[in-house]
Every structure is written in structure tokens, then in C-alpha cells.
Amino acid sequence: MVDTALAADLLEWARRGEREWALVLSEDDDVVPPLFTAEAWIRPCGGRAFLLRSSRRTAYLKLDGLLME
């Protein structure tokens, strides 16, 4: 239930449309979809959303090169 609460808070923050940054520290892949959505919503307002993970790689989710600036 913590994943759901974090996702809800992150999306509510992004919908406010303020020029702020969010930094999410998590090893859980469940935060990736709401983080991408929040980034898409907040970026036109000048905000950003980031995921900070350890260098541990998983065989299940590859994020490298997914987004291009």
C-alpha cells in the first residue's frame, strides 16, 4: 500500500503544476509508471521528477536510454 500512497502523492504534486522538482529514492520498479506520468505533467511548468536508484541492475526492467532529451 505504500507504493499506491507514494504514487498518489506524486501525481497530486505534479497536477499542482508548480515549478518544483521531486526526487524519489526507491529500488521498487512499481514507482516508475507514476514517476513517468508525473514528469510528463510537471515538465511543461518547469518542474522535474527524478528516480534515484543504486547502481544495482535488474534483469527485469531496463530504464537506460528510455527517454531522450
C-alpha atoms as a PDB file:
ATOM      1  CA  MET A   1       0.000   0.000   0.000  1.00  0.00           C
ATOM      2  CA  VAL A   2       2.980   2.318   0.362  1.00  0.00           C
ATOM      3  CA  ASP A   3       3.547   2.190  -3.420  1.00  0.00           C
ATOM      4  CA  THR A   4      -0.023   3.334  -4.015  1.00  0.00           C
ATOM      5  CA  ALA A   5       0.253   6.148  -1.475  1.00  0.00           C
ATOM      6  CA  LEU A   6       3.549   7.339  -2.979  1.00  0.00           C
ATOM      7  CA  ALA A   7       2.075   7.235  -6.488  1.00  0.00           C
ATOM      8  CA  ALA A   8      -0.990   9.212  -5.391  1.00  0.00           C
ATOM      9  CA  ASP A   9       1.127  11.859  -3.637  1.00  0.00           C
ATOM     10  CA  LEU A  10       3.467  12.157  -6.607  1.00  0.00           C
ATOM     11  CA  LEU A  11       0.626  12.592  -9.109  1.00  0.00           C
ATOM     12  CA  GLU A  12      -1.198  15.073  -6.865  1.00  0.00           C
ATOM     13  CA  TRP A  13       2.019  17.089  -6.594  1.00  0.00           C
ATOM     14  CA  ALA A  14       2.512  17.063 -10.358  1.00  0.00           C
ATOM     15  CA  ARG A  15      -1.060  18.212 -11.002  1.00  0.00           C
ATOM     16  CA  ARG A  16      -0.456  21.364  -8.947  1.00  0.00           C
ATOM     17  CA  GLY A  17       1.837  22.454 -11.767  1.00  0.00           C
ATOM     18  CA  GLU A  18       4.375  24.301  -9.680  1.00  0.00           C
ATOM     19  CA  ARG A  19       7.951  24.840 -10.754  1.00  0.00           C
ATOM     20  CA  GLU A  20       9.418  22.286  -8.331  1.00  0.00           C
ATOM     21  CA  TRP A  21      11.463  19.137  -8.501  1.00  0.00           C
ATOM     22  CA  ALA A  22      10.631  15.747  -6.991  1.00  0.00           C
ATOM     23  CA  LEU A  23      13.306  13.219  -6.150  1.00  0.00           C
ATOM     24  CA  VAL A  24      12.094   9.685  -5.472  1.00  0.00           C
ATOM     25  CA  LEU A  25      14.550   7.292  -3.839  1.00  0.00           C
ATOM     26  CA  SER A  26      13.416   3.737  -4.436  1.00  0.00           C
ATOM     27  CA  GLU A  27      14.574   0.347  -5.626  1.00  0.00           C
ATOM     28  CA  ASP A  28      10.987  -0.670  -6.375  1.00  0.00           C
ATOM     29  CA  ASP A  29      10.032  -0.789 -10.060  1.00  0.00           C
ATOM     30  CA  ASP A  30       6.399  -0.015  -9.153  1.00  0.00           C
ATOM     31  CA  VAL A  31       7.225   3.680  -8.796  1.00  0.00           C
ATOM     32  CA  VAL A  32       8.373   4.009 -12.414  1.00  0.00           C
ATOM     33  CA  PRO A  33       4.952   4.394 -14.156  1.00  0.00           C
ATOM     34  CA  PRO A  34       3.642   7.125 -11.811  1.00  0.00           C
ATOM     35  CA  LEU A  35       7.023   8.857 -11.932  1.00  0.00           C
ATOM     36  CA  PHE A  36       6.947   8.994 -15.749  1.00  0.00           C
ATOM     37  CA  THR A  37       3.384  10.337 -15.625  1.00  0.00           C
ATOM     38  CA  ALA A  38       4.317  12.967 -13.043  1.00  0.00           C
ATOM     39  CA  GLU A  39       7.302  14.021 -15.159  1.00  0.00           C
ATOM     40  CA  ALA A  40       5.079  14.418 -18.222  1.00  0.00           C
ATOM     41  CA  TRP A  41       2.584  16.537 -16.269  1.00  0.00           C
ATOM     42  CA  ILE A  42       5.062  18.777 -14.423  1.00  0.00           C
ATOM     43  CA  ARG A  43       7.715  19.364 -17.073  1.00  0.00           C
ATOM     44  CA  PRO A  44       5.713  21.937 -19.111  1.00  0.00           C
ATOM     45  CA  CYS A  45       5.503  24.007 -15.896  1.00  0.00           C
ATOM     46  CA  GLY A  46       9.264  23.933 -15.403  1.00  0.00           C
ATOM     47  CA  GLY A  47       9.282  21.144 -12.806  1.00  0.00           C
ATOM     48  CA  ARG A  48      11.066  17.818 -12.960  1.00  0.00           C
ATOM     49  CA  ALA A  49      10.646  14.369 -11.421  1.00  0.00           C
ATOM     50  CA  PHE A  50      13.596  12.031 -10.893  1.00  0.00           C
ATOM     51  CA  LEU A  51      14.152   8.485  -9.684  1.00  0.00           C
ATOM     52  CA  LEU A  52      17.340   7.798  -7.767  1.00  0.00           C
ATOM     53  CA  ARG A  53      18.382   4.147  -7.548  1.00  0.00           C
ATOM     54  CA  SER A  54      21.533   2.346  -6.524  1.00  0.00           C
ATOM     55  CA  SER A  55      23.725   1.015  -9.304  1.00  0.00           C
ATOM     56  CA  ARG A  56      22.186  -2.424  -8.861  1.00  0.00           C
ATOM     57  CA  ARG A  57      20.900  -3.658 -12.216  1.00  0.00           C
ATOM     58  CA  THR A  58      17.941  -5.971 -12.627  1.00  0.00           C
ATOM     59  CA  ALA A  59      17.194  -8.325 -15.488  1.00  0.00           C
ATOM     60  CA  TYR A  60      13.548  -7.274 -15.472  1.00  0.00           C
ATOM     61  CA  LEU A  61      13.438  -3.526 -16.008  1.00  0.00           C
ATOM     62  CA  LYS A  62      15.845  -1.629 -18.217  1.00  0.00           C
ATOM     63  CA  LEU A  63      15.485   2.167 -17.959  1.00  0.00           C
ATOM     64  CA  ASP A  64      18.749   3.208 -19.630  1.00  0.00           C
ATOM     65  CA  GLY A  65      18.099   5.130 -22.838  1.00  0.00           C
ATOM     66  CA  LEU A  66      14.327   5.039 -22.397  1.00  0.00           C
ATOM     67  CA  LEU A  67      13.915   8.826 -22.541  1.00  0.00           C
ATOM     68  CA  MET A  68      15.697  11.117 -24.906  1.00  0.00           C
ATOM     69  CA  GLU A  69      16.109  14.839 -24.218  1.00  0.00           C
END
